[in-house]
C-alpha cells in the first residue's frame, strides 16, 4: 500500500509550531500598532503648534500675549485640512484640542492639548510643551479615559502658570 499523506502526529506538530509563532508575533504586532498610534498623537500635536504659529504670524489681528499671559487657539480655529481623523478612527474635539501661546521672559512658549473622541471614549495628550513633544519618550504622555484630565480654558483662567488673556475664534 502506498500512503503519501501526513500522519496525525505530523499535523499536530505543525499546528503546535504555528501556534507558538502566533503567541510570539501577535503581541509584538499589537505593541507596534499601539506605539504608532501614540506617535500619531504626538505628531498631530506638533502639527497643531505649527499651524497656530503660522496663524499668529499671518493674521495681524491677533494680539500676542504679554509676559505672564497666554492666548488660546482651539483646533476648530485652525486650518483642518491635515486633520482627517484621529489614530483610533474617531475625530478630534475641536474645542478641547487647543494650542496655548504664552510669553515668558521675552520669548514665546507653545503648548498643545489634543483630544480624540471615538466609540464613547477619549484619548489624547494633556497640556504639554513643544519641547516635551520633541523628546524621545513623548509618546508616554498619551492618556485615555479618566487619566486624560483636560482643562477647558476661559478668559482669566490659569494654564501652566499663565493667565488666559484671549481665546482666538475663527
Protein backbone atom coordinates (compact mmCIF):
# COMPACT_ATOMS: atom_id res chain seq x y z
CA UNK A 1 0.00 0.00 0.00
CA UNK A 2 1.29 3.47 -0.97
CA UNK A 3 0.44 6.13 1.70
CA UNK A 4 1.53 9.60 0.64
CA UNK A 5 -0.23 11.74 3.29
CA UNK A 6 0.79 13.28 6.62
CA UNK A 7 0.35 11.43 9.87
CA UNK A 8 -1.77 12.88 12.65
CA UNK A 9 1.37 13.47 14.73
CA UNK A 10 3.00 15.49 11.92
CA UNK A 11 -0.12 17.64 11.54
CA UNK A 12 -0.36 18.27 15.30
CA UNK A 13 3.33 19.19 15.46
CA UNK A 14 2.87 21.69 12.61
CA UNK A 15 -0.18 23.25 14.29
CA UNK A 16 1.72 23.49 17.59
CA UNK A 17 4.67 25.25 15.92
CA UNK A 18 2.32 27.71 14.19
CA UNK A 19 0.50 28.40 17.47
CA UNK A 20 3.80 29.13 19.24
CA UNK A 21 4.82 31.51 16.45
CA UNK A 22 1.47 33.32 16.74
CA UNK A 23 1.87 33.63 20.52
CA UNK A 24 5.14 35.48 19.95
CA UNK A 25 4.17 37.52 16.88
CA UNK A 26 0.70 38.85 17.79
CA UNK A 27 1.72 40.75 20.98
CA UNK A 28 4.69 42.29 19.15
CA UNK A 29 2.47 43.43 16.29
CA UNK A 30 -0.14 44.87 18.69
CA UNK A 31 2.57 46.71 20.62
CA UNK A 32 3.92 48.21 17.40
CA UNK A 33 0.45 49.35 16.35
CA UNK A 34 -0.12 50.99 19.76
CA UNK A 35 3.25 52.80 19.57
CA UNK A 36 2.40 54.08 16.08
CA UNK A 37 -0.96 55.42 17.30
CA UNK A 38 0.72 57.18 20.23
CA UNK A 39 3.31 58.66 17.87
CA UNK A 40 0.47 59.95 15.69
CA UNK A 41 -0.99 61.87 18.64
CA UNK A 42 2.41 63.45 19.28
CA UNK A 43 2.90 64.36 15.61
CA UNK A 44 -0.62 65.82 15.38
CA UNK A 45 0.03 67.95 18.49
CA UNK A 46 3.25 69.23 16.89
CA UNK A 47 1.33 69.98 13.69
CA UNK A 48 -1.27 71.93 15.72
CA UNK A 49 1.51 74.08 17.20
CA UNK A 50 2.95 74.73 13.74
CA UNK A 51 -0.49 75.72 12.40
CA UNK A 52 -1.08 78.03 15.38
CA UNK A 53 2.33 79.62 14.91
CA UNK A 54 1.53 80.22 11.24
CA UNK A 55 -1.89 81.66 12.13
CA UNK A 56 -0.37 84.12 14.60
CA UNK A 57 2.31 85.25 12.15
CA UNK A 58 -0.04 85.63 9.19
CA UNK A 59 -3.03 87.21 10.98
CA UNK A 60 -2.11 90.68 12.18
CA UNK A 61 -5.43 91.00 14.03
CA UNK A 62 -4.30 88.51 16.69
CA UNK A 63 -2.87 90.31 19.68
CA UNK A 64 0.12 88.41 21.04
CA UNK A 65 0.29 87.81 24.80
CA UNK A 66 2.34 89.91 27.19
CA UNK A 67 4.66 88.48 29.87
CA UNK A 68 2.77 86.16 32.19
CA UNK A 69 -0.22 85.91 29.86
CA UNK A 70 -1.21 83.49 27.13
CA UNK A 71 -3.63 83.16 24.26
CA UNK A 72 -5.53 80.01 23.33
CA UNK A 73 -6.25 78.86 19.79
CA UNK A 74 -8.75 75.95 19.61
CA UNK A 75 -8.23 73.34 16.90
CA UNK A 76 -11.52 74.48 15.35
CA UNK A 77 -9.92 77.86 14.60
CA UNK A 78 -7.03 76.35 12.65
CA UNK A 79 -6.75 75.01 9.09
CA UNK A 80 -8.07 71.45 9.46
CA UNK A 81 -7.14 70.14 6.03
CA UNK A 82 -4.44 67.89 7.59
CA UNK A 83 -6.69 66.53 10.34
CA UNK A 84 -8.88 63.90 8.68
CA UNK A 85 -9.37 61.62 11.68
CA UNK A 86 -7.59 60.57 14.84
CA UNK A 87 -5.39 57.49 15.26
CA UNK A 88 -8.26 55.48 16.79
CA UNK A 89 -10.59 56.29 13.87
CA UNK A 90 -12.55 58.95 15.76
CA UNK A 91 -12.48 62.72 15.42
CA UNK A 92 -10.56 65.34 17.34
CA UNK A 93 -12.58 67.51 19.73
CA UNK A 94 -12.38 70.96 18.12
CA UNK A 95 -12.81 72.88 21.41
CA UNK A 96 -10.93 70.66 23.87
CA UNK A 97 -7.95 70.37 21.50
CA UNK A 98 -6.07 73.65 21.52
CA UNK A 99 -2.73 75.43 21.41
CA UNK A 100 -1.57 77.81 24.13
CA UNK A 101 0.90 80.54 23.23
CA UNK A 102 2.49 82.09 26.32
CA UNK A 103 5.04 84.82 26.76
CA UNK A 104 7.79 84.48 29.32
CA UNK A 105 11.00 86.49 29.55
CA UNK A 106 10.60 88.00 26.10
CA UNK A 107 10.09 84.70 24.26
CA UNK A 108 7.02 82.77 23.22
CA UNK A 109 6.32 79.29 24.52
CA UNK A 110 3.95 76.86 22.81
CA UNK A 111 1.82 74.19 24.48
CA UNK A 112 -0.74 71.81 22.98
CA UNK A 113 -3.63 69.67 24.14
CA UNK A 114 -5.19 67.18 21.76
CA UNK A 115 -8.29 65.06 22.44
CA UNK A 116 -9.85 62.41 20.22
CA UNK A 117 -13.37 61.05 20.73
CA UNK A 118 -14.11 57.54 19.49
CA UNK A 119 -16.64 54.85 20.40
CA UNK A 120 -17.73 56.76 23.53
CA UNK A 121 -14.12 57.03 24.72
CA UNK A 122 -11.49 59.76 24.75
CA UNK A 123 -7.74 59.59 24.23
CA UNK A 124 -5.09 62.24 23.73
CA UNK A 125 -2.37 64.37 25.27
CA UNK A 126 -2.96 66.82 28.13
CA UNK A 127 -1.28 70.24 28.01
CA UNK A 128 2.36 69.68 27.01
CA UNK A 129 5.12 71.99 25.77
CA UNK A 130 6.65 71.87 22.32
CA UNK A 131 9.98 70.95 23.91
CA UNK A 132 8.42 67.94 25.65
CA UNK A 133 6.72 66.88 22.41
CA UNK A 134 10.13 66.76 20.76
CA UNK A 135 11.56 64.35 23.34
CA UNK A 136 12.10 60.69 22.53
CA UNK A 137 9.59 59.45 25.11
CA UNK A 138 6.78 61.91 24.25
CA UNK A 139 4.50 59.01 23.29
CA UNK A 140 4.31 58.15 27.00
CA UNK A 141 2.27 61.34 27.55
CA UNK A 142 -0.71 59.88 25.64
CA UNK A 143 -3.52 59.12 28.10
CA UNK A 144 -7.06 57.84 27.84
CA UNK A 145 -10.34 57.93 29.76
CA UNK A 146 -10.29 59.45 33.24
CA UNK A 147 -6.49 59.80 33.16
CA UNK A 148 -6.90 62.46 30.47
CA UNK A 149 -7.73 65.49 32.61
CA UNK A 150 -8.41 68.29 30.13
CA UNK A 151 -8.68 71.88 31.33
CA UNK A 152 -11.21 73.91 29.36
CA UNK A 153 -9.67 77.37 29.06
CA UNK A 154 -11.59 80.57 29.71
CA UNK A 155 -10.56 84.23 29.84
CA UNK A 156 -8.78 84.85 33.13
CA UNK A 157 -8.18 81.16 33.88
CA UNK A 158 -4.72 79.84 34.63
CA UNK A 159 -2.90 77.44 32.28
CA UNK A 160 0.57 76.29 33.34
CA UNK A 161 1.02 79.46 35.37
CA UNK A 162 -0.09 81.83 32.60
CA UNK A 163 -3.31 83.86 32.62
CA UNK A 164 -5.51 83.40 29.54
CA UNK A 165 -5.88 86.85 28.00
CA UNK A 166 -7.60 85.84 24.76
CA UNK A 167 -9.23 82.84 23.08
CA UNK A 168 -8.99 83.08 19.31
CA UNK A 169 -12.20 82.15 17.49
CA UNK A 170 -12.31 81.58 13.77
